[in-house]
Amino acid sequence: MRVLLTNDDGTDEPGIDALYDELSTIADVTVVAPADDQSGVGRTNSHNVEVDDHDRGLVVHGTPCDCVAVGLRALEANPDVVVAGCNAGPNFGAHKLDRSGTVGAAKEAVFLDVPGIAVSAYDPAVGGLRAFEREDFEQAARVTRHLVAHADALGSGTFLNVNAPTVEETPPIRVTRPVRDFDVRIEESDDGLELIDRFYDPLKRNRPEELDDPVGTDRRALADGEISVSALGIGHETRQRDFLTTVADEFA
């Protein structure tokens, strides 16, 4: 098994080290990762990047998608799967996935005909972001190794979005779908208008009972302290073709 490993937090973060060590027990792992923090860049790409050698592969002065492109097209690694992570903090919900650099790298791989796995760790006790240590990624690394071992069955049109809790005992895997509930609150501040993502509020306050998410959504799995795994495609499905065709035909 050959794995291309990247992330959006930078080459020297503990999350990518944890995945590298775990995946190296079953695969030949090549790292092509950003030189610095690229969190929240989604699928942003560059037209020109500088590249430096690294003892595990390459350092790219660009985005996670740049790293995937360089790893798949400039090297002879020929990976069977691209793994992105491990992100220090969760990536869940339909609205969030296009914003995440971690998920963006996995999606970029699928566009380039290689399966992708995006991996994030979350703290089920505090909900929101905090400083993560190496040991916080243990469960994320273990489930990633398990999924990579079965990656040959994914097919080139699919990527997995994985969120694993920072706990000692191994939780169950819940097969999920991205929840679509989302809202934002606007408040005035001294610096202008503050955009507050209300999507995370119940988890940040550690009050999952406020969620009415049914079993099967990724946010529900996180609230229950489970490992959430969503198998997703990248296609923008066509909708309302008959309506649009009628409107187009009426255009003069």
Protein backbone atom coordinates (compact mmCIF):
# COMPACT_ATOMS: atom_id res chain seq x y z
CA MET A 1 0.00 0.00 0.00
CA ARG A 2 1.30 3.47 -0.93
CA VAL A 3 -0.02 6.57 0.85
CA LEU A 4 0.41 10.25 0.07
CA LEU A 5 0.05 12.15 3.36
CA THR A 6 -0.70 15.86 3.63
CA ASN A 7 -2.50 18.29 5.95
CA ASP A 8 -3.50 21.94 6.27
CA ASP A 9 -1.70 22.76 9.54
CA GLY A 10 1.89 22.56 8.32
CA THR A 11 4.63 19.97 8.01
CA ASP A 12 5.76 19.93 11.64
CA GLU A 13 2.42 19.55 13.45
CA PRO A 14 1.83 16.58 15.79
CA GLY A 15 -1.28 15.45 13.91
CA ILE A 16 0.58 14.62 10.71
CA ASP A 17 3.38 12.98 12.73
CA ALA A 18 0.85 10.72 14.45
CA LEU A 19 -0.64 9.63 11.12
CA TYR A 20 2.77 9.11 9.55
CA ASP A 21 3.95 6.82 12.34
CA GLU A 22 0.72 4.81 12.39
CA LEU A 23 0.36 4.45 8.63
CA SER A 24 4.01 3.53 8.21
CA THR A 25 3.25 0.24 9.97
CA ILE A 26 1.17 -0.90 6.98
CA ALA A 27 2.13 1.35 4.06
CA ASP A 28 4.87 3.21 2.23
CA VAL A 29 4.09 6.81 3.23
CA THR A 30 5.26 9.93 1.39
CA VAL A 31 4.60 13.32 2.99
CA VAL A 32 3.89 16.36 0.84
CA ALA A 33 2.61 19.05 3.18
CA PRO A 34 2.37 22.85 3.43
CA ALA A 35 5.23 24.87 4.84
CA ASP A 36 2.88 26.73 7.19
CA ASP A 37 -0.69 26.84 8.48
CA GLN A 38 -3.25 26.71 5.68
CA SER A 39 -6.37 26.11 7.78
CA GLY A 40 -9.66 27.15 6.21
CA VAL A 41 -8.40 27.56 2.65
CA GLY A 42 -10.75 24.90 1.25
CA ARG A 43 -9.73 23.91 -2.28
CA THR A 44 -7.74 27.06 -3.00
CA ASN A 45 -4.84 26.40 -5.34
CA SER A 46 -1.81 28.34 -6.56
CA HIS A 47 -0.32 28.79 -10.02
CA ASN A 48 3.26 28.71 -8.83
CA VAL A 49 4.80 27.18 -5.69
CA GLU A 50 8.24 26.73 -4.21
CA VAL A 51 9.16 23.24 -3.04
CA ASP A 52 11.77 22.13 -0.50
CA ASP A 53 13.04 18.66 0.32
CA HIS A 54 11.93 17.01 3.55
CA ASP A 55 13.16 13.80 5.18
CA ARG A 56 9.70 12.31 4.60
CA GLY A 57 9.02 13.85 1.20
CA LEU A 58 8.45 17.48 0.23
CA VAL A 59 7.48 20.80 1.79
CA VAL A 60 5.29 22.93 -0.48
CA HIS A 61 4.96 26.68 -0.02
CA GLY A 62 1.30 26.58 -0.96
CA THR A 63 -2.08 25.12 -0.09
CA PRO A 64 -3.16 21.55 0.71
CA CYS A 65 -4.51 21.21 -2.83
CA ASP A 66 -1.16 22.32 -4.19
CA CYS A 67 0.44 19.58 -2.09
CA VAL A 68 -1.87 16.92 -3.53
CA ALA A 69 -1.23 18.09 -7.08
CA VAL A 70 2.55 18.07 -6.57
CA GLY A 71 2.45 14.70 -4.83
CA LEU A 72 0.36 13.06 -7.53
CA ARG A 73 1.85 14.65 -10.62
CA ALA A 74 5.46 15.65 -9.81
CA LEU A 75 6.55 12.56 -7.88
CA GLU A 76 6.72 8.90 -8.82
CA ALA A 77 5.08 7.79 -5.57
CA ASN A 78 1.93 6.51 -7.35
CA PRO A 79 -0.16 6.43 -4.16
CA ASP A 80 -3.18 4.19 -3.73
CA VAL A 81 -4.83 6.74 -1.43
CA VAL A 82 -4.32 10.32 -0.26
CA VAL A 83 -4.73 10.97 3.47
CA ALA A 84 -5.16 14.53 4.77
CA GLY A 85 -4.70 15.26 8.46
CA CYS A 86 -4.84 14.84 11.25
CA ASN A 87 -6.58 18.15 11.80
CA ALA A 88 -6.59 19.57 15.33
CA GLY A 89 -10.33 20.16 15.61
CA PRO A 90 -13.46 18.78 13.93
CA ASN A 91 -14.59 19.13 10.32
CA PHE A 92 -18.25 18.23 10.07
CA GLY A 93 -21.46 19.55 8.53
CA ALA A 94 -22.19 20.15 4.87
CA HIS A 95 -21.42 23.87 5.03
CA LYS A 96 -18.06 23.28 6.70
CA LEU A 97 -16.61 20.74 4.31
CA ASP A 98 -15.95 23.19 1.47
CA ARG A 99 -14.16 25.54 3.87
CA SER A 100 -11.75 23.00 5.29
CA GLY A 101 -8.25 22.69 3.87
CA THR A 102 -8.08 19.15 5.25
CA VAL A 103 -11.23 18.09 3.42
CA GLY A 104 -10.21 20.14 0.39
CA ALA A 105 -7.06 18.03 0.00
CA ALA A 106 -9.06 14.79 0.07
CA LYS A 107 -11.48 16.16 -2.51
CA GLU A 108 -8.60 17.31 -4.71
CA ALA A 109 -7.31 13.75 -4.72
CA VAL A 110 -10.66 12.47 -5.97
CA PHE A 111 -10.68 15.03 -8.78
CA LEU A 112 -7.28 13.60 -9.73
CA ASP A 113 -8.67 10.04 -9.70
CA VAL A 114 -7.25 8.85 -6.38
CA PRO A 115 -9.40 8.08 -3.30
CA GLY A 116 -9.00 10.50 -0.41
CA ILE A 117 -9.44 10.34 3.35
CA ALA A 118 -9.76 13.52 5.44
CA VAL A 119 -9.10 12.97 9.15
CA SER A 120 -9.83 15.28 12.06
CA ALA A 121 -9.70 14.92 15.85
CA TYR A 122 -12.19 16.51 18.24
CA ASP A 123 -12.46 16.85 21.98
CA PRO A 124 -15.89 15.51 23.08
CA ALA A 125 -15.58 17.17 26.50
CA VAL A 126 -14.86 20.77 25.56
CA GLY A 127 -16.30 20.74 22.05
CA GLY A 128 -14.46 23.73 20.68
CA LEU A 129 -10.86 24.13 19.63
CA ARG A 130 -7.99 23.78 22.10
CA ALA A 131 -4.30 22.99 22.01
CA PHE A 132 -3.82 19.36 20.93
CA GLU A 133 -0.97 17.10 22.08
CA ARG A 134 0.46 14.10 20.24
CA GLU A 135 -1.55 11.61 22.32
CA ASP A 136 -4.81 13.33 21.35
CA PHE A 137 -4.51 11.83 17.87
CA GLU A 138 -4.30 8.18 18.98
CA GLN A 139 -7.85 7.15 18.03
CA ALA A 140 -7.77 9.18 14.82
CA ALA A 141 -4.54 7.46 13.79
CA ARG A 142 -5.89 3.99 14.64
CA VAL A 143 -9.10 4.39 12.65
CA THR A 144 -7.17 5.90 9.74
CA ARG A 145 -4.90 2.88 9.59
CA HIS A 146 -7.99 0.64 9.57
CA LEU A 147 -9.62 2.62 6.76
CA VAL A 148 -6.44 2.82 4.68
CA ALA A 149 -6.14 -0.96 4.88
CA HIS A 150 -9.51 -1.13 3.09
CA ALA A 151 -8.98 1.83 0.78
CA ASP A 152 -8.66 -0.33 -2.33
CA ALA A 153 -12.44 -0.85 -2.18
CA LEU A 154 -13.23 2.87 -2.17
CA GLY A 155 -12.94 3.57 -5.86
CA SER A 156 -11.60 6.76 -7.37
CA GLY A 157 -14.84 8.74 -7.04
CA THR A 158 -15.11 8.69 -3.25
CA PHE A 159 -13.48 10.37 -0.29
CA LEU A 160 -14.03 9.70 3.40
CA ASN A 161 -14.49 12.41 6.01
CA VAL A 162 -13.44 11.13 9.43
CA ASN A 163 -13.83 12.76 12.85
CA ALA A 164 -12.40 10.86 15.83
CA PRO A 165 -12.59 11.85 19.52
CA THR A 166 -9.58 12.48 21.73
CA VAL A 167 -10.30 9.62 24.16
CA GLU A 168 -8.33 6.67 25.50
CA GLU A 169 -10.86 3.87 25.00
CA THR A 170 -11.74 3.06 21.40
CA PRO A 171 -15.25 4.31 20.51
CA PRO A 172 -17.44 2.73 17.83
CA ILE A 173 -17.47 3.91 14.24
CA ARG A 174 -20.72 5.55 13.15
CA VAL A 175 -21.37 5.72 9.39
CA THR A 176 -22.78 9.20 8.92
CA ARG A 177 -23.91 11.89 6.53
CA PRO A 178 -23.07 15.62 6.86
CA VAL A 179 -25.72 17.52 8.79
CA ARG A 180 -27.14 20.48 6.86
CA ASP A 181 -28.32 22.63 9.74
CA PHE A 182 -26.48 25.95 9.79
CA ASP A 183 -26.98 29.48 11.05
CA VAL A 184 -24.83 32.51 11.72
CA ARG A 185 -25.30 35.37 14.18
CA ILE A 186 -24.00 38.88 13.52
CA GLU A 187 -22.88 41.05 16.42
CA GLU A 188 -21.28 44.46 16.47
CA SER A 189 -17.79 44.78 17.93
CA ASP A 190 -15.12 47.44 18.15
CA ASP A 191 -13.54 45.96 15.02
CA GLY A 192 -16.74 45.91 12.95
CA LEU A 193 -19.22 43.06 12.59
CA GLU A 194 -18.47 39.69 14.17
CA LEU A 195 -19.81 36.63 12.36
CA ILE A 196 -20.59 33.93 14.92
CA ASP A 197 -21.09 30.41 13.64
CA ARG A 198 -24.04 29.08 15.66
CA PHE A 199 -23.59 25.64 14.15
CA TYR A 200 -21.18 24.66 16.93
CA ASP A 201 -22.96 26.28 19.88
CA PRO A 202 -24.43 23.15 21.53
CA LEU A 203 -21.14 21.25 21.24
CA LYS A 204 -19.06 24.18 22.46
CA ARG A 205 -21.28 24.47 25.52
CA ASN A 206 -21.19 20.66 25.95
CA ARG A 207 -24.99 20.53 25.80
CA PRO A 208 -25.69 17.89 23.12
CA GLU A 209 -29.23 17.46 24.44
CA GLU A 210 -30.07 20.68 22.61
CA LEU A 211 -29.45 18.97 19.29
CA ASP A 212 -32.37 17.41 17.47
CA ASP A 213 -30.07 15.73 14.92
CA PRO A 214 -31.21 12.18 14.13
CA VAL A 215 -28.85 9.25 14.43
CA GLY A 216 -26.85 9.10 11.24
CA THR A 217 -25.63 12.70 11.06
CA ASP A 218 -22.01 13.56 11.71
CA ARG A 219 -22.84 16.14 14.38
CA ARG A 220 -24.93 13.60 16.28
CA ALA A 221 -22.01 11.16 16.23
CA LEU A 222 -19.69 13.84 17.62
CA ALA A 223 -22.20 14.71 20.34
CA ASP A 224 -22.30 11.01 21.28
CA GLY A 225 -18.49 10.72 21.36
CA GLU A 226 -18.30 8.34 18.41
CA ILE A 227 -16.01 8.13 15.38
CA SER A 228 -17.88 9.67 12.46
CA VAL A 229 -17.09 8.39 8.97
CA SER A 230 -18.91 9.80 5.93
CA ALA A 231 -18.35 8.41 2.44
CA LEU A 232 -18.84 11.33 0.05
CA GLY A 233 -18.64 12.19 -3.64
CA ILE A 234 -17.47 15.40 -5.27
CA GLY A 235 -20.07 15.88 -7.99
CA HIS A 236 -22.33 18.90 -8.15
CA GLU A 237 -25.58 17.19 -8.98
CA THR A 238 -27.85 18.80 -11.55
CA ARG A 239 -31.25 19.97 -10.32
CA GLN A 240 -34.46 21.32 -11.85
CA ARG A 241 -33.34 20.68 -15.42
CA ASP A 242 -36.91 20.79 -16.77
CA PHE A 243 -37.56 24.17 -15.14
CA LEU A 244 -34.28 25.60 -16.36
CA THR A 245 -34.79 24.22 -19.88
CA THR A 246 -38.17 25.94 -20.04
CA VAL A 247 -36.66 29.23 -18.87
CA ALA A 248 -33.82 28.88 -21.39
CA ASP A 249 -36.22 28.17 -24.25
CA GLU A 250 -38.17 31.33 -23.43
CA PHE A 251 -35.09 33.51 -23.68
CA ALA A 252 -35.13 35.66 -26.79
